[in-house]
C-alpha atoms as a PDB file:
ATOM      1  CA  MET A   1      28.933 -37.538 150.474  1.00  0.00           C
ATOM      2  CA  ILE A   2      29.567 -39.112 147.258  1.00  0.00           C
ATOM      3  CA  GLU A   3      30.517 -36.368 144.650  1.00  0.00           C
ATOM      4  CA  PHE A   4      31.305 -37.270 140.933  1.00  0.00           C
ATOM      5  CA  THR A   5      34.789 -35.399 139.686  1.00  0.00           C
ATOM      6  CA  LEU A   6      33.351 -35.012 135.937  1.00  0.00           C
ATOM      7  CA  PRO A   7      29.457 -35.055 136.295  1.00  0.00           C
ATOM      8  CA  TRP A   8      29.289 -33.835 132.077  1.00  0.00           C
ATOM      9  CA  ILE A   9      29.504 -37.465 131.800  1.00  0.00           C
ATOM     10  CA  PHE A  10      25.969 -37.663 132.041  1.00  0.00           C
ATOM     11  CA  ALA A  11      25.011 -35.878 129.559  1.00  0.00           C
ATOM     12  CA  LEU A  12      25.592 -38.971 127.105  1.00  0.00           C
ATOM     13  CA  LEU A  13      23.333 -40.877 128.841  1.00  0.00           C
ATOM     14  CA  PRO A  14      20.198 -40.779 125.737  1.00  0.00           C
ATOM     15  CA  LEU A  15      22.952 -41.596 123.683  1.00  0.00           C
ATOM     16  CA  PRO A  16      22.100 -44.655 122.641  1.00  0.00           C
ATOM     17  CA  LEU A  17      18.342 -44.145 122.065  1.00  0.00           C
ATOM     18  CA  LEU A  18      19.801 -41.241 119.689  1.00  0.00           C
ATOM     19  CA  VAL A  19      21.522 -44.061 117.708  1.00  0.00           C
ATOM     20  CA  TRP A  20      18.822 -46.159 118.261  1.00  0.00           C
ATOM     21  CA  TRP A  21      16.389 -43.492 116.811  1.00  0.00           C
ATOM     22  CA  LEU A  22      18.767 -42.070 113.781  1.00  0.00           C
ATOM     23  CA  ILE A  23      20.062 -45.022 112.135  1.00  0.00           C
ATOM     24  CA  PRO A  24      17.419 -47.412 110.674  1.00  0.00           C
ATOM     25  CA  ALA A  25      16.595 -50.938 111.886  1.00  0.00           C
ATOM     26  CA  ARG A  26      17.997 -53.715 108.991  1.00  0.00           C
ATOM     27  CA  LYS A  27      15.286 -55.280 106.946  1.00  0.00           C
ATOM     28  CA  GLN A  28      14.377 -58.515 107.771  1.00  0.00           C
ATOM     29  CA  THR A  29      15.148 -60.804 104.884  1.00  0.00           C
ATOM     30  CA  SER A  30      12.825 -63.811 103.783  1.00  0.00           C
ATOM     31  CA  ALA A  31      14.063 -66.919 104.218  1.00  0.00           C
ATOM     32  CA  ALA A  32      15.624 -69.298 101.810  1.00  0.00           C
ATOM     33  CA  LEU A  33      14.875 -72.276 102.996  1.00  0.00           C
ATOM     34  CA  TYR A  34      10.717 -72.617 103.518  1.00  0.00           C
ATOM     35  CA  MET A  35      10.652 -74.674 106.497  1.00  0.00           C
ATOM     36  CA  PRO A  36       6.407 -75.956 106.408  1.00  0.00           C
ATOM     37  CA  HIS A  37       6.551 -78.181 109.596  1.00  0.00           C
ATOM     38  CA  VAL A  38       7.288 -74.880 111.372  1.00  0.00           C
ATOM     39  CA  GLN A  39       4.479 -73.125 112.125  1.00  0.00           C
ATOM     40  CA  SER A  40       4.158 -69.448 111.935  1.00  0.00           C
ATOM     41  CA  ASP A  41       3.100 -68.659 115.190  1.00  0.00           C
ATOM     42  CA  ASN A  42       6.424 -70.456 116.948  1.00  0.00           C
ATOM     43  CA  LEU A  43       8.055 -68.039 114.543  1.00  0.00           C
ATOM     44  CA  ARG A  44       6.411 -64.978 116.218  1.00  0.00           C
ATOM     45  CA  GLN A  45       6.697 -66.168 119.670  1.00  0.00           C
ATOM     46  CA  HIS A  46      10.609 -66.141 119.158  1.00  0.00           C
ATOM     47  CA  ASP A  47      10.970 -63.563 116.641  1.00  0.00           C
ATOM     48  CA  ILE A  48      14.197 -61.697 117.320  1.00  0.00           C
ATOM     49  CA  SER A  49      14.788 -59.743 114.595  1.00  0.00           C
ATOM     50  CA  PRO A  50      16.647 -56.358 115.370  1.00  0.00           C
ATOM     51  CA  GLY A  51      13.674 -54.222 114.371  1.00  0.00           C
ATOM     52  CA  ARG A  52      11.483 -55.167 117.633  1.00  0.00           C
ATOM     53  CA  PHE A  53      11.375 -53.644 120.391  1.00  0.00           C
ATOM     54  CA  SER A  54      11.721 -55.743 123.856  1.00  0.00           C
ATOM     55  CA  TRP A  55      11.682 -53.730 127.337  1.00  0.00           C
ATOM     56  CA  LEU A  56      13.143 -57.293 128.329  1.00  0.00           C
ATOM     57  CA  ARG A  57      16.742 -56.290 126.746  1.00  0.00           C
ATOM     58  CA  PHE A  58      16.375 -52.110 126.575  1.00  0.00           C
ATOM     59  CA  LEU A  59      16.238 -52.454 130.962  1.00  0.00           C
ATOM     60  CA  PRO A  60      19.345 -54.176 131.575  1.00  0.00           C
ATOM     61  CA  LEU A  61      21.386 -52.839 128.465  1.00  0.00           C
ATOM     62  CA  LEU A  62      20.367 -49.383 130.157  1.00  0.00           C
ATOM     63  CA  ALA A  63      21.475 -50.276 133.567  1.00  0.00           C
ATOM     64  CA  ILE A  64      24.931 -51.015 131.832  1.00  0.00           C
ATOM     65  CA  TRP A  65      25.127 -48.015 130.237  1.00  0.00           C
ATOM     66  CA  ILE A  66      24.193 -45.957 133.852  1.00  0.00           C
ATOM     67  CA  LEU A  67      26.574 -47.668 135.472  1.00  0.00           C
ATOM     68  CA  LEU A  68      29.718 -47.423 133.057  1.00  0.00           C
ATOM     69  CA  LEU A  69      28.361 -43.310 132.881  1.00  0.00           C
ATOM     70  CA  ALA A  70      28.597 -43.430 137.303  1.00  0.00           C
ATOM     71  CA  ALA A  71      32.330 -44.879 136.542  1.00  0.00           C
ATOM     72  CA  ALA A  72      33.626 -42.711 134.218  1.00  0.00           C
ATOM     73  CA  ALA A  73      32.551 -39.705 136.033  1.00  0.00           C
ATOM     74  CA  ASN A  74      34.333 -40.763 138.651  1.00  0.00           C
ATOM     75  CA  PRO A  75      32.683 -41.135 142.001  1.00  0.00           C
ATOM     76  CA  MET A  76      34.303 -39.844 145.475  1.00  0.00           C
ATOM     77  CA  ARG A  77      33.276 -40.216 149.103  1.00  0.00           C
ATOM     78  CA  ILE A  78      34.077 -36.843 150.865  1.00  0.00           C
ATOM     79  CA  GLY A  79      34.877 -37.088 154.502  1.00  0.00           C
ATOM     80  CA  GLU A  80      34.029 -34.744 156.723  1.00  0.00           C
ATOM     81  CA  ALA A  81      36.395 -31.523 156.971  1.00  0.00           C
ATOM     82  CA  ILE A  82      39.474 -31.769 158.746  1.00  0.00           C
ATOM     83  CA  GLU A  83      40.651 -28.846 160.159  1.00  0.00           C
ATOM     84  CA  LEU A  84      45.232 -28.817 160.412  1.00  0.00           C
ATOM     85  CA  PRO A  85      46.777 -27.300 162.666  1.00  0.00           C
ATOM     86  CA  ALA A  86      47.380 -23.379 162.464  1.00  0.00           C
ATOM     87  CA  ASN A  87      50.173 -23.452 164.706  1.00  0.00           C
ATOM     88  CA  GLY A  88      53.697 -24.296 163.590  1.00  0.00           C
ATOM     89  CA  ARG A  89      57.425 -24.175 161.212  1.00  0.00           C
ATOM     90  CA  ASP A  90      57.958 -24.888 157.987  1.00  0.00           C
ATOM     91  CA  LEU A  91      61.348 -27.197 158.027  1.00  0.00           C
ATOM     92  CA  MET A  92      63.373 -28.015 154.884  1.00  0.00           C
ATOM     93  CA  LEU A  93      65.780 -30.811 155.781  1.00  0.00           C
ATOM     94  CA  ALA A  94      68.956 -31.527 153.620  1.00  0.00           C
ATOM     95  CA  VAL A  95      70.546 -34.618 154.300  1.00  0.00           C
ATOM     96  CA  ASP A  96      73.674 -35.413 153.181  1.00  0.00           C
ATOM     97  CA  ILE A  97      73.663 -39.053 151.668  1.00  0.00           C
ATOM     98  CA  SER A  98      77.580 -38.553 149.685  1.00  0.00           C
ATOM     99  CA  GLY A  99      80.019 -41.752 149.834  1.00  0.00           C
ATOM    100  CA  SER A 100      81.567 -40.137 153.045  1.00  0.00           C
ATOM    101  CA  MET A 101      78.592 -40.789 155.256  1.00  0.00           C
ATOM    102  CA  GLU A 102      79.021 -44.701 154.702  1.00  0.00           C
ATOM    103  CA  GLN A 103      82.017 -44.048 157.677  1.00  0.00           C
ATOM    104  CA  ARG A 104      81.283 -46.147 160.637  1.00  0.00           C
ATOM    105  CA  ASP A 105      82.434 -43.801 163.678  1.00  0.00           C
ATOM    106  CA  MET A 106      78.765 -43.500 165.066  1.00  0.00           C
ATOM    107  CA  THR A 107      77.287 -45.462 167.874  1.00  0.00           C
ATOM    108  CA  ILE A 108      73.978 -46.643 168.437  1.00  0.00           C
ATOM    109  CA  ASN A 109      72.949 -48.606 171.412  1.00  0.00           C
ATOM    110  CA  GLY A 110      77.075 -49.621 172.007  1.00  0.00           C
ATOM    111  CA  ARG A 111      76.744 -51.202 168.296  1.00  0.00           C
ATOM    112  CA  ARG A 112      78.830 -48.763 165.694  1.00  0.00           C
ATOM    113  CA  VAL A 113      76.834 -47.637 162.712  1.00  0.00           C
ATOM    114  CA  ASN A 114      77.579 -45.605 159.719  1.00  0.00           C
ATOM    115  CA  ARG A 115      76.700 -41.918 159.764  1.00  0.00           C
ATOM    116  CA  LEU A 116      73.542 -42.379 157.794  1.00  0.00           C
ATOM    117  CA  VAL A 117      72.238 -45.006 160.060  1.00  0.00           C
ATOM    118  CA  ALA A 118      72.810 -42.406 163.092  1.00  0.00           C
ATOM    119  CA  THR A 119      71.091 -39.755 161.654  1.00  0.00           C
ATOM    120  CA  LYS A 120      67.880 -41.639 160.871  1.00  0.00           C
ATOM    121  CA  ASP A 121      67.938 -42.649 163.886  1.00  0.00           C
ATOM    122  CA  VAL A 122      67.980 -38.963 165.303  1.00  0.00           C
ATOM    123  CA  LEU A 123      65.436 -37.872 162.459  1.00  0.00           C
ATOM    124  CA  THR A 124      62.973 -40.424 163.199  1.00  0.00           C
ATOM    125  CA  ARG A 125      62.987 -39.101 166.953  1.00  0.00           C
ATOM    126  CA  PHE A 126      63.101 -35.521 165.497  1.00  0.00           C
ATOM    127  CA  LEU A 127      60.290 -36.068 162.785  1.00  0.00           C
ATOM    128  CA  SER A 128      57.727 -37.810 165.860  1.00  0.00           C
ATOM    129  CA  GLN A 129      57.800 -34.544 167.929  1.00  0.00           C
ATOM    130  CA  ARG A 130      57.087 -32.213 164.723  1.00  0.00           C
ATOM    131  CA  GLN A 131      53.746 -31.398 165.947  1.00  0.00           C
ATOM    132  CA  GLY A 132      51.724 -28.856 163.983  1.00  0.00           C
ATOM    133  CA  ASP A 133      54.932 -28.954 161.807  1.00  0.00           C
ATOM    134  CA  ARG A 134      55.146 -28.773 158.096  1.00  0.00           C
ATOM    135  CA  VAL A 135      58.369 -30.851 156.435  1.00  0.00           C
ATOM    136  CA  GLY A 136      60.328 -31.302 153.969  1.00  0.00           C
ATOM    137  CA  LEU A 137      63.433 -33.758 152.371  1.00  0.00           C
ATOM    138  CA  ILE A 138      66.324 -32.697 150.516  1.00  0.00           C
ATOM    139  CA  LEU A 139      68.990 -35.592 149.581  1.00  0.00           C
ATOM    140  CA  TYR A 140      72.109 -34.271 148.444  1.00  0.00           C
ATOM    141  CA  GLY A 141      75.607 -35.503 147.040  1.00  0.00           C
ATOM    142  CA  SER A 142      76.769 -34.462 143.982  1.00  0.00           C
ATOM    143  CA  GLN A 143      73.275 -33.313 142.606  1.00  0.00           C
ATOM    144  CA  ALA A 144      70.755 -32.243 145.179  1.00  0.00           C
ATOM    145  CA  PHE A 145      66.825 -33.315 144.488  1.00  0.00           C
ATOM    146  CA  VAL A 146      63.808 -33.110 147.062  1.00  0.00           C
ATOM    147  CA  GLN A 147      62.305 -36.218 147.668  1.00  0.00           C
ATOM    148  CA  ALA A 148      59.287 -34.935 149.874  1.00  0.00           C
ATOM    149  CA  PRO A 149      57.979 -31.292 149.451  1.00  0.00           C
ATOM    150  CA  LEU A 150      56.989 -29.335 152.237  1.00  0.00           C
ATOM    151  CA  THR A 151      54.057 -31.392 153.946  1.00  0.00           C
ATOM    152  CA  PHE A 152      52.417 -32.479 157.352  1.00  0.00           C
ATOM    153  CA  ASP A 153      52.421 -35.872 155.948  1.00  0.00           C
ATOM    154  CA  LEU A 154      55.213 -37.059 158.270  1.00  0.00           C
ATOM    155  CA  LYS A 155      54.880 -40.355 157.984  1.00  0.00           C
ATOM    156  CA  THR A 156      55.895 -40.408 153.792  1.00  0.00           C
ATOM    157  CA  VAL A 157      58.808 -37.950 155.078  1.00  0.00           C
ATOM    158  CA  HIS A 158      59.586 -40.465 157.168  1.00  0.00           C
ATOM    159  CA  ARG A 159      59.970 -43.000 154.786  1.00  0.00           C
ATOM    160  CA  LEU A 160      61.280 -41.624 151.990  1.00  0.00           C
ATOM    161  CA  LEU A 161      63.792 -40.664 154.662  1.00  0.00           C
ATOM    162  CA  MET A 162      64.387 -44.462 155.602  1.00  0.00           C
ATOM    163  CA  GLU A 163      64.383 -45.614 152.107  1.00  0.00           C
ATOM    164  CA  SER A 164      67.832 -43.324 151.109  1.00  0.00           C
ATOM    165  CA  GLN A 165      70.698 -44.836 150.096  1.00  0.00           C
ATOM    166  CA  ILE A 166      74.057 -43.624 150.701  1.00  0.00           C
ATOM    167  CA  GLY A 167      75.691 -43.073 146.819  1.00  0.00           C
ATOM    168  CA  PHE A 168      71.972 -42.350 144.909  1.00  0.00           C
ATOM    169  CA  ALA A 169      72.609 -38.528 144.112  1.00  0.00           C
ATOM    170  CA  GLY A 170      76.309 -39.150 143.481  1.00  0.00           C
ATOM    171  CA  THR A 171      79.634 -39.542 145.804  1.00  0.00           C
ATOM    172  CA  GLY A 172      80.049 -35.969 145.720  1.00  0.00           C
ATOM    173  CA  THR A 173      78.903 -33.242 148.147  1.00  0.00           C
ATOM    174  CA  ALA A 174      76.898 -29.918 146.594  1.00  0.00           C
ATOM    175  CA  ILE A 175      76.196 -28.010 149.596  1.00  0.00           C
ATOM    176  CA  GLY A 176      75.880 -25.210 147.805  1.00  0.00           C
ATOM    177  CA  ASP A 177      73.489 -26.727 145.390  1.00  0.00           C
ATOM    178  CA  ALA A 178      71.369 -28.269 148.126  1.00  0.00           C
ATOM    179  CA  ILE A 179      71.090 -24.890 149.992  1.00  0.00           C
ATOM    180  CA  GLY A 180      70.278 -23.181 146.376  1.00  0.00           C
ATOM    181  CA  LEU A 181      66.975 -25.906 146.387  1.00  0.00           C
ATOM    182  CA  GLY A 182      66.058 -25.501 149.993  1.00  0.00           C
ATOM    183  CA  ILE A 183      66.203 -22.019 149.014  1.00  0.00           C
ATOM    184  CA  LYS A 184      63.432 -22.494 146.158  1.00  0.00           C
ATOM    185  CA  ARG A 185      61.056 -24.487 147.497  1.00  0.00           C
ATOM    186  CA  LEU A 186      60.908 -22.260 151.066  1.00  0.00           C
ATOM    187  CA  ALA A 187      60.046 -19.206 149.024  1.00  0.00           C
ATOM    188  CA  ASP A 188      56.465 -19.537 148.518  1.00  0.00           C
ATOM    189  CA  ASN A 189      55.915 -19.569 152.577  1.00  0.00           C
ATOM    190  CA  PRO A 190      55.650 -16.623 155.187  1.00  0.00           C
ATOM    191  CA  ALA A 191      59.017 -14.876 155.951  1.00  0.00           C
ATOM    192  CA  GLU A 192      59.349 -15.799 159.503  1.00  0.00           C
ATOM    193  CA  SER A 193      58.559 -19.772 159.007  1.00  0.00           C
ATOM    194  CA  ARG A 194      61.545 -20.416 156.502  1.00  0.00           C
ATOM    195  CA  VAL A 195      64.157 -22.859 158.020  1.00  0.00           C
ATOM    196  CA  LEU A 196      66.425 -25.129 156.350  1.00  0.00           C
ATOM    197  CA  ILE A 197      68.414 -27.401 158.303  1.00  0.00           C
ATOM    198  CA  LEU A 198      71.520 -28.640 156.468  1.00  0.00           C
ATOM    199  CA  LEU A 199      73.832 -31.522 157.507  1.00  0.00           C
ATOM    200  CA  THR A 200      76.546 -32.880 156.039  1.00  0.00           C
ATOM    201  CA  ASP A 201      79.712 -34.681 157.295  1.00  0.00           C
ATOM    202  CA  GLY A 202      82.265 -33.106 154.649  1.00  0.00           C
ATOM    203  CA  GLU A 203      82.990 -30.284 152.422  1.00  0.00           C
ATOM    204  CA  ASN A 204      81.640 -28.560 149.492  1.00  0.00           C
ATOM    205  CA  THR A 205      83.044 -30.901 146.165  1.00  0.00           C
ATOM    206  CA  SER A 206      80.509 -30.370 144.152  1.00  0.00           C
ATOM    207  CA  GLY A 207      78.073 -28.440 142.159  1.00  0.00           C
ATOM    208  CA  THR A 208      76.972 -25.253 140.453  1.00  0.00           C
ATOM    209  CA  MET A 209      76.784 -22.833 143.457  1.00  0.00           C
ATOM    210  CA  LEU A 210      79.160 -21.851 146.029  1.00  0.00           C
ATOM    211  CA  PRO A 211      78.088 -22.482 149.777  1.00  0.00           C
ATOM    212  CA  VAL A 212      78.316 -19.260 150.974  1.00  0.00           C
ATOM    213  CA  GLU A 213      77.087 -17.093 147.889  1.00  0.00           C
ATOM    214  CA  ALA A 214      74.001 -19.710 148.622  1.00  0.00           C
ATOM    215  CA  ALA A 215      73.808 -17.951 151.968  1.00  0.00           C
ATOM    216  CA  LYS A 216      74.065 -14.245 150.708  1.00  0.00           C
ATOM    217  CA  PHE A 217      71.451 -15.236 148.266  1.00  0.00           C
ATOM    218  CA  ALA A 218      69.025 -17.025 151.393  1.00  0.00           C
ATOM    219  CA  THR A 219      69.334 -13.877 153.195  1.00  0.00           C
ATOM    220  CA  LYS A 220      67.336 -11.634 150.478  1.00  0.00           C
ATOM    221  CA  GLU A 221      64.720 -14.510 150.532  1.00  0.00           C
ATOM    222  CA  HIS A 222      64.610 -14.468 154.329  1.00  0.00           C
ATOM    223  CA  VAL A 223      65.899 -18.300 154.794  1.00  0.00           C
ATOM    224  CA  LYS A 224      67.350 -18.894 158.329  1.00  0.00           C
ATOM    225  CA  ILE A 225      70.040 -21.723 157.443  1.00  0.00           C
ATOM    226  CA  TYR A 226      71.397 -23.842 160.703  1.00  0.00           C
ATOM    227  CA  THR A 227      73.899 -26.812 159.491  1.00  0.00           C
ATOM    228  CA  ILE A 228      75.072 -29.480 161.104  1.00  0.00           C
ATOM    229  CA  GLY A 229      78.469 -31.154 160.310  1.00  0.00           C
ATOM    230  CA  LEU A 230      78.513 -34.220 161.458  1.00  0.00           C
ATOM    231  CA  GLY A 231      81.698 -36.836 161.999  1.00  0.00           C
ATOM    232  CA  HIS A 232      84.556 -37.723 164.052  1.00  0.00           C
ATOM    233  CA  PRO A 233      87.391 -34.897 164.599  1.00  0.00           C
ATOM    234  CA  ARG A 234      89.720 -37.506 163.134  1.00  0.00           C
ATOM    235  CA  SER A 235      87.842 -38.520 160.011  1.00  0.00           C
ATOM    236  CA  ARG A 236      89.868 -39.381 156.555  1.00  0.00           C
ATOM    237  CA  TYR A 237      86.930 -36.847 155.443  1.00  0.00           C
ATOM    238  CA  PRO A 238      87.556 -33.037 156.701  1.00  0.00           C
ATOM    239  CA  ILE A 239      84.787 -31.137 157.528  1.00  0.00           C
ATOM    240  CA  ASP A 240      84.563 -27.364 156.063  1.00  0.00           C
ATOM    241  CA  GLU A 241      83.715 -26.094 159.875  1.00  0.00           C
ATOM    242  CA  ARG A 242      84.898 -22.425 158.605  1.00  0.00           C
ATOM    243  CA  THR A 243      82.306 -22.462 155.497  1.00  0.00           C
ATOM    244  CA  LEU A 244      79.268 -24.012 157.477  1.00  0.00           C
ATOM    245  CA  LYS A 245      79.944 -21.771 160.209  1.00  0.00           C
ATOM    246  CA  GLU A 246      79.890 -18.699 157.930  1.00  0.00           C
ATOM    247  CA  VAL A 247      76.744 -19.814 156.146  1.00  0.00           C
ATOM    248  CA  ALA A 248      74.520 -19.736 158.966  1.00  0.00           C
ATOM    249  CA  ASP A 249      75.927 -16.654 160.551  1.00  0.00           C
ATOM    250  CA  ILE A 250      75.199 -15.054 157.101  1.00  0.00           C
ATOM    251  CA  THR A 251      71.382 -16.336 157.234  1.00  0.00           C
ATOM    252  CA  GLY A 252      70.926 -15.253 161.356  1.00  0.00           C
ATOM    253  CA  GLY A 253      70.770 -19.307 162.039  1.00  0.00           C
ATOM    254  CA  GLU A 254      73.519 -21.554 164.111  1.00  0.00           C
ATOM    255  CA  PHE A 255      76.488 -23.876 163.316  1.00  0.00           C
ATOM    256  CA  PHE A 256      76.484 -27.372 164.957  1.00  0.00           C
ATOM    257  CA  ARG A 257      79.351 -29.802 165.635  1.00  0.00           C
ATOM    258  CA  ALA A 258      78.110 -33.311 166.262  1.00  0.00           C
ATOM    259  CA  ARG A 259      80.883 -36.168 166.717  1.00  0.00           C
ATOM    260  CA  SER A 260      78.394 -38.469 168.366  1.00  0.00           C
ATOM    261  CA  GLN A 261      74.873 -39.458 167.610  1.00  0.00           C
ATOM    262  CA  GLN A 262      74.330 -38.423 171.338  1.00  0.00           C
ATOM    263  CA  GLU A 263      75.312 -34.855 169.700  1.00  0.00           C
ATOM    264  CA  LEU A 264      73.565 -34.782 167.483  1.00  0.00           C
ATOM    265  CA  ALA A 265      70.087 -35.736 168.659  1.00  0.00           C
ATOM    266  CA  SER A 266      70.819 -32.508 171.054  1.00  0.00           C
ATOM    267  CA  ILE A 267      71.478 -30.712 168.306  1.00  0.00           C
ATOM    268  CA  TYR A 268      68.090 -31.233 166.941  1.00  0.00           C
ATOM    269  CA  ALA A 269      66.469 -30.809 170.479  1.00  0.00           C
ATOM    270  CA  ALA A 270      67.805 -27.091 170.004  1.00  0.00           C
ATOM    271  CA  ILE A 271      66.405 -26.426 166.565  1.00  0.00           C
ATOM    272  CA  ASP A 272      62.906 -28.271 168.301  1.00  0.00           C
ATOM    273  CA  LYS A 273      63.101 -25.005 170.713  1.00  0.00           C
ATOM    274  CA  LEU A 274      62.071 -22.950 167.905  1.00  0.00           C
ATOM    275  CA  GLU A 275      59.233 -20.471 168.011  1.00  0.00           C
ATOM    276  CA  ALA A 276      56.183 -21.874 166.769  1.00  0.00           C
ATOM    277  CA  VAL A 277      54.673 -19.477 163.637  1.00  0.00           C
ATOM    278  CA  GLU A 278      51.080 -18.666 163.114  1.00  0.00           C
ATOM    279  CA  GLN A 279      50.464 -20.161 159.675  1.00  0.00           C
ATOM    280  CA  GLU A 280      46.877 -19.769 157.733  1.00  0.00           C
ATOM    281  CA  ALA A 281      44.576 -22.847 159.103  1.00  0.00           C
ATOM    282  CA  GLU A 282      43.900 -25.350 156.083  1.00  0.00           C
ATOM    283  CA  ILE A 283      41.240 -27.706 155.536  1.00  0.00           C
ATOM    284  CA  PHE A 284      41.246 -31.025 154.758  1.00  0.00           C
ATOM    285  CA  ARG A 285      38.626 -33.524 153.653  1.00  0.00           C
ATOM    286  CA  PRO A 286      40.084 -36.820 152.737  1.00  0.00           C
ATOM    287  CA  LYS A 287      38.366 -38.312 149.354  1.00  0.00           C
ATOM    288  CA  GLN A 288      38.015 -42.028 148.722  1.00  0.00           C
ATOM    289  CA  THR A 289      37.880 -42.975 145.031  1.00  0.00           C
ATOM    290  CA  LEU A 290      34.884 -45.504 144.401  1.00  0.00           C
ATOM    291  CA  PHE A 291      34.695 -46.000 140.553  1.00  0.00           C
ATOM    292  CA  TYR A 292      35.627 -49.540 140.891  1.00  0.00           C
ATOM    293  CA  TRP A 293      31.922 -50.080 141.722  1.00  0.00           C
ATOM    294  CA  PRO A 294      30.257 -48.962 139.286  1.00  0.00           C
ATOM    295  CA  LEU A 295      32.313 -50.717 136.755  1.00  0.00           C
ATOM    296  CA  GLY A 296      32.151 -54.042 138.410  1.00  0.00           C
ATOM    297  CA  GLY A 297      28.348 -53.814 138.703  1.00  0.00           C
ATOM    298  CA  ALA A 298      28.414 -52.930 135.084  1.00  0.00           C
ATOM    299  CA  MET A 299      30.984 -55.921 134.097  1.00  0.00           C
ATOM    300  CA  THR A 300      28.728 -58.351 136.397  1.00  0.00           C
ATOM    301  CA  LEU A 301      25.390 -57.246 134.757  1.00  0.00           C
ATOM    302  CA  ALA A 302      27.247 -57.423 131.174  1.00  0.00           C
ATOM    303  CA  LEU A 303      28.111 -60.939 131.948  1.00  0.00           C
ATOM    304  CA  LEU A 304      25.009 -62.540 133.192  1.00  0.00           C
ATOM    305  CA  PHE A 305      22.805 -60.237 130.106  1.00  0.00           C
ATOM    306  CA  GLY A 306      25.519 -61.932 128.189  1.00  0.00           C
ATOM    307  CA  LEU A 307      24.904 -65.572 129.493  1.00  0.00           C
ATOM    308  CA  ILE A 308      21.180 -65.193 129.625  1.00  0.00           C
ATOM    309  CA  ASN A 309      20.791 -64.127 125.759  1.00  0.00           C
ATOM    310  CA  VAL A 310      22.952 -67.022 125.184  1.00  0.00           C
ATOM    311  CA  GLY A 311      21.165 -69.551 126.873  1.00  0.00           C
ATOM    312  CA  SER A 312      18.201 -67.648 125.137  1.00  0.00           C
ATOM    313  CA  ARG A 313      19.245 -68.485 121.475  1.00  0.00           C
ATOM    314  CA  ARG A 314      20.073 -71.921 122.111  1.00  0.00           C
ATOM    315  CA  MET A 315      15.873 -72.981 123.616  1.00  0.00           C
ATOM    316  CA  GLN A 316      14.978 -71.121 120.477  1.00  0.00           C
ATOM    317  CA  THR A 317      17.180 -73.407 118.092  1.00  0.00           C
ATOM    318  CA  ARG A 318      15.798 -76.390 120.032  1.00  0.00           C
ATOM    319  CA  SER A 319      12.499 -75.063 119.857  1.00  0.00           C
ATOM    320  CA  THR A 320      12.716 -74.775 115.913  1.00  0.00           C
ATOM    321  CA  SER A 321      14.346 -78.331 115.013  1.00  0.00           C
ATOM    322  CA  VAL A 322      11.333 -79.824 117.142  1.00  0.00           C
END
């Protein structure tokens, strides 16, 4: 099915005729040079004065005008209705991309990698199993920002996660601000499905909100927080396990300690066992814009009309010069 986003544009269809009727035709002036050898019937045959109406000229111009209006009205192809899953969870992921995530104390297939690479590897599998879930992504360092709002489009969430780089949000660790931003993004969802999963490898060193204070605010908004402390115990960047555990306890979540990539994977497997929540069913209709088809048709007709008009004038010039 094809629909027009701006159907009122077609109300402009009679505009060229109104202009033609309201603006008087330019009067034909007499020739400055009299050519007795040119027969009068020949001039009548090639008369192209502005006041003369010609269907051969009007119809192509009308077609061009209609096509331009159709392009301006923005035609869209509307696909069949797709009902999105009604069972699932709303999960907001908050991933630390501070400078300390560059520590290479994780292993994937026997290869040493930094903590962010290990996190991406585990979250790739985690996202692939989120059938029916909506997932959002927050990245934070010295500042926290939403990289992806809650969405069923998990491919886009995964792509944005893979594009994230250490230091993009600064070298500090604003855990409290990341929690506050997650609460804000989850506030409009059903209370029983507000879940924030926060991963960090350090302690709160930046931002304007303290993690515990943010956790107390989360309880008022019925947001459950699961915290994950990532990194080797002997790392030169200490993990504030006490604060992370307190944040989880205050909100009814749970604190996990991930010392290896395998432990991190098992943590997300445990979170995966959260009970699915009934959600309001959503209907989605895929849309595809089609304005370029009538626009291309109008440009093609205009080009052909111009070429034919130029050729016709050249022929008239040759015939009158004989």
